[in-house]
Amino acid sequence: MHDPEGPESMGRGESDYAPHLRELLSHPHVVEVLDALSHGPVTLADLRSHVPAGRRGLEVALRIVAARGLVAKEGNGSWDIDAPGITVYRQTGRGRLVVGALSRFSAWTTMFDGPTP
């Protein structure tokens, strides 16, 4: 799934993808979930030990990042039903690009202050 306007197009300049990241970050727990997943595959129980959110909040955040292609889960099945507790979640290549962008201070300033001249 390639979205020419999405975060994977980061080579074009931070101002091009800043609106997409800003929208993504407007959702609770998304940054924390992406950070936890950047250390490797995790279960929901692992996420709960790293992210100060309840099960429902984590499931919503996982669905949000999964809908954007940033996270995948082992096995088949719908994201619309609760996954078994042993389900393992991992970042996708696109997810790693987004986390890389979020690790740059310039991305944050572009998202919230606008591009530098």
C-alpha atoms as a PDB file:
ATOM      1  CA  MET A   1       0.000   0.000   0.000  1.00  0.00           C
ATOM      2  CA  HIS A   2       1.751   3.121  -1.209  1.00  0.00           C
ATOM      3  CA  ASP A   3       0.314   6.509  -0.380  1.00  0.00           C
ATOM      4  CA  PRO A   4       2.276   9.143  -2.317  1.00  0.00           C
ATOM      5  CA  GLU A   5       1.251  11.745   0.240  1.00  0.00           C
ATOM      6  CA  GLY A   6       1.955   9.590   3.303  1.00  0.00           C
ATOM      7  CA  PRO A   7       4.915   9.499   5.683  1.00  0.00           C
ATOM      8  CA  GLU A   8       6.850   7.075   3.470  1.00  0.00           C
ATOM      9  CA  SER A   9       7.360   9.948   1.038  1.00  0.00           C
ATOM     10  CA  MET A  10       9.636  11.671   3.528  1.00  0.00           C
ATOM     11  CA  GLY A  11      12.382  12.243   1.028  1.00  0.00           C
ATOM     12  CA  ARG A  12      10.414  15.175  -0.371  1.00  0.00           C
ATOM     13  CA  GLY A  13      10.720  17.331   2.714  1.00  0.00           C
ATOM     14  CA  GLU A  14       9.289  17.477   6.189  1.00  0.00           C
ATOM     15  CA  SER A  15       6.619  20.017   5.346  1.00  0.00           C
ATOM     16  CA  ASP A  16       5.123  17.499   2.893  1.00  0.00           C
ATOM     17  CA  TYR A  17       4.385  14.861   5.535  1.00  0.00           C
ATOM     18  CA  ALA A  18       3.907  17.052   8.610  1.00  0.00           C
ATOM     19  CA  PRO A  19       0.073  17.183   8.302  1.00  0.00           C
ATOM     20  CA  HIS A  20      -0.067  13.370   8.209  1.00  0.00           C
ATOM     21  CA  LEU A  21       2.112  13.025  11.291  1.00  0.00           C
ATOM     22  CA  ARG A  22       0.221  15.768  13.115  1.00  0.00           C
ATOM     23  CA  GLU A  23      -3.071  13.943  12.497  1.00  0.00           C
ATOM     24  CA  LEU A  24      -1.574  10.629  13.623  1.00  0.00           C
ATOM     25  CA  LEU A  25      -0.222  12.173  16.813  1.00  0.00           C
ATOM     26  CA  SER A  26      -3.605  13.672  17.661  1.00  0.00           C
ATOM     27  CA  HIS A  27      -4.710  10.223  18.853  1.00  0.00           C
ATOM     28  CA  PRO A  28      -4.014   9.161  22.444  1.00  0.00           C
ATOM     29  CA  HIS A  29      -1.226   6.637  23.099  1.00  0.00           C
ATOM     30  CA  VAL A  30      -0.021   6.464  19.480  1.00  0.00           C
ATOM     31  CA  VAL A  31       3.456   7.882  20.193  1.00  0.00           C
ATOM     32  CA  GLU A  32       3.927   5.551  23.159  1.00  0.00           C
ATOM     33  CA  VAL A  33       2.790   2.513  21.162  1.00  0.00           C
ATOM     34  CA  LEU A  34       5.112   3.346  18.271  1.00  0.00           C
ATOM     35  CA  ASP A  35       7.981   3.858  20.708  1.00  0.00           C
ATOM     36  CA  ALA A  36       7.364   0.514  22.437  1.00  0.00           C
ATOM     37  CA  LEU A  37       7.168  -1.278  19.091  1.00  0.00           C
ATOM     38  CA  SER A  38      10.420   0.321  17.937  1.00  0.00           C
ATOM     39  CA  HIS A  39      12.248  -1.980  20.375  1.00  0.00           C
ATOM     40  CA  GLY A  40      10.872  -5.123  18.742  1.00  0.00           C
ATOM     41  CA  PRO A  41       7.728  -7.258  18.519  1.00  0.00           C
ATOM     42  CA  VAL A  42       5.449  -7.187  21.574  1.00  0.00           C
ATOM     43  CA  THR A  43       2.206  -8.621  22.907  1.00  0.00           C
ATOM     44  CA  LEU A  44      -0.606  -6.502  24.311  1.00  0.00           C
ATOM     45  CA  ALA A  45       0.594  -7.410  27.820  1.00  0.00           C
ATOM     46  CA  ASP A  46       4.078  -6.114  26.926  1.00  0.00           C
ATOM     47  CA  LEU A  47       2.551  -2.878  25.653  1.00  0.00           C
ATOM     48  CA  ARG A  48       0.526  -2.462  28.845  1.00  0.00           C
ATOM     49  CA  SER A  49       3.742  -2.625  30.865  1.00  0.00           C
ATOM     50  CA  HIS A  50       5.294   0.179  28.770  1.00  0.00           C
ATOM     51  CA  VAL A  51       2.338   2.410  27.953  1.00  0.00           C
ATOM     52  CA  PRO A  52       0.203   4.002  30.688  1.00  0.00           C
ATOM     53  CA  ALA A  53      -3.132   3.086  29.116  1.00  0.00           C
ATOM     54  CA  GLY A  54      -5.856   0.530  29.621  1.00  0.00           C
ATOM     55  CA  ARG A  55      -6.454  -2.390  27.307  1.00  0.00           C
ATOM     56  CA  ARG A  56      -9.130  -0.538  25.332  1.00  0.00           C
ATOM     57  CA  GLY A  57      -6.940   2.528  24.825  1.00  0.00           C
ATOM     58  CA  LEU A  58      -4.085   0.374  23.569  1.00  0.00           C
ATOM     59  CA  GLU A  59      -6.352  -1.551  21.216  1.00  0.00           C
ATOM     60  CA  VAL A  60      -7.659   1.703  19.742  1.00  0.00           C
ATOM     61  CA  ALA A  61      -4.107   3.053  19.297  1.00  0.00           C
ATOM     62  CA  LEU A  62      -3.017  -0.227  17.665  1.00  0.00           C
ATOM     63  CA  ARG A  63      -5.940  -0.083  15.241  1.00  0.00           C
ATOM     64  CA  ILE A  64      -5.104   3.512  14.332  1.00  0.00           C
ATOM     65  CA  VAL A  65      -1.471   2.749  13.520  1.00  0.00           C
ATOM     66  CA  ALA A  66      -2.419  -0.508  11.783  1.00  0.00           C
ATOM     67  CA  ALA A  67      -4.900   1.319   9.545  1.00  0.00           C
ATOM     68  CA  ARG A  68      -1.998   3.474   8.358  1.00  0.00           C
ATOM     69  CA  GLY A  69       0.222   0.461   7.675  1.00  0.00           C
ATOM     70  CA  LEU A  70       2.618   1.167  10.553  1.00  0.00           C
ATOM     71  CA  VAL A  71       1.961  -2.018  12.551  1.00  0.00           C
ATOM     72  CA  ALA A  72       1.157  -5.612  11.675  1.00  0.00           C
ATOM     73  CA  LYS A  73       0.107  -8.517  13.836  1.00  0.00           C
ATOM     74  CA  GLU A  74       0.948 -12.182  13.599  1.00  0.00           C
ATOM     75  CA  GLY A  75      -1.707 -14.389  12.161  1.00  0.00           C
ATOM     76  CA  ASN A  76      -4.778 -13.631  10.187  1.00  0.00           C
ATOM     77  CA  GLY A  77      -7.881 -12.051  11.506  1.00  0.00           C
ATOM     78  CA  SER A  78      -9.764  -8.852  11.716  1.00  0.00           C
ATOM     79  CA  TRP A  79      -8.591  -5.812  13.627  1.00  0.00           C
ATOM     80  CA  ASP A  80     -12.271  -5.313  14.488  1.00  0.00           C
ATOM     81  CA  ILE A  81     -12.302  -8.089  17.087  1.00  0.00           C
ATOM     82  CA  ASP A  82     -10.176  -8.461  20.187  1.00  0.00           C
ATOM     83  CA  ALA A  83      -7.025 -10.440  19.456  1.00  0.00           C
ATOM     84  CA  PRO A  84      -5.905 -13.206  21.793  1.00  0.00           C
ATOM     85  CA  GLY A  85      -3.492 -12.043  24.503  1.00  0.00           C
ATOM     86  CA  ILE A  86      -0.636 -13.930  22.863  1.00  0.00           C
ATOM     87  CA  THR A  87      -0.922 -12.026  19.579  1.00  0.00           C
ATOM     88  CA  VAL A  88       2.383 -10.424  18.652  1.00  0.00           C
ATOM     89  CA  TYR A  89       2.501  -6.949  17.113  1.00  0.00           C
ATOM     90  CA  ARG A  90       5.450  -5.556  15.155  1.00  0.00           C
ATOM     91  CA  GLN A  91       6.347  -2.410  13.267  1.00  0.00           C
ATOM     92  CA  THR A  92       6.306  -2.492   9.498  1.00  0.00           C
ATOM     93  CA  GLY A  93       8.894  -0.809   7.296  1.00  0.00           C
ATOM     94  CA  ARG A  94       6.558   2.153   7.000  1.00  0.00           C
ATOM     95  CA  GLY A  95       6.271   2.228  10.791  1.00  0.00           C
ATOM     96  CA  ARG A  96      10.052   2.382  11.108  1.00  0.00           C
ATOM     97  CA  LEU A  97      10.102   5.352   8.707  1.00  0.00           C
ATOM     98  CA  VAL A  98       7.534   7.185  10.823  1.00  0.00           C
ATOM     99  CA  VAL A  99       9.422   6.494  14.054  1.00  0.00           C
ATOM    100  CA  GLY A 100      12.609   7.689  12.355  1.00  0.00           C
ATOM    101  CA  ALA A 101      10.879  10.921  11.358  1.00  0.00           C
ATOM    102  CA  LEU A 102       9.511  11.406  14.860  1.00  0.00           C
ATOM    103  CA  SER A 103      13.005  11.039  16.299  1.00  0.00           C
ATOM    104  CA  ARG A 104      14.130  14.184  14.474  1.00  0.00           C
ATOM    105  CA  PHE A 105      13.569  17.476  16.249  1.00  0.00           C
ATOM    106  CA  SER A 106      13.103  19.201  12.909  1.00  0.00           C
ATOM    107  CA  ALA A 107      10.045  17.047  12.175  1.00  0.00           C
ATOM    108  CA  TRP A 108       8.384  18.206  15.401  1.00  0.00           C
ATOM    109  CA  THR A 109       9.123  21.865  14.725  1.00  0.00           C
ATOM    110  CA  THR A 110       7.786  21.518  11.184  1.00  0.00           C
ATOM    111  CA  MET A 111       4.626  19.821  12.411  1.00  0.00           C
ATOM    112  CA  PHE A 112       3.813  22.466  14.986  1.00  0.00           C
ATOM    113  CA  ASP A 113       5.618  25.633  13.870  1.00  0.00           C
ATOM    114  CA  GLY A 114       5.625  25.213  10.114  1.00  0.00           C
ATOM    115  CA  PRO A 115       8.583  24.791   7.759  1.00  0.00           C
ATOM    116  CA  THR A 116      11.675  26.894   8.235  1.00  0.00           C
ATOM    117  CA  PRO A 117      12.345  29.365   5.415  1.00  0.00           C
END
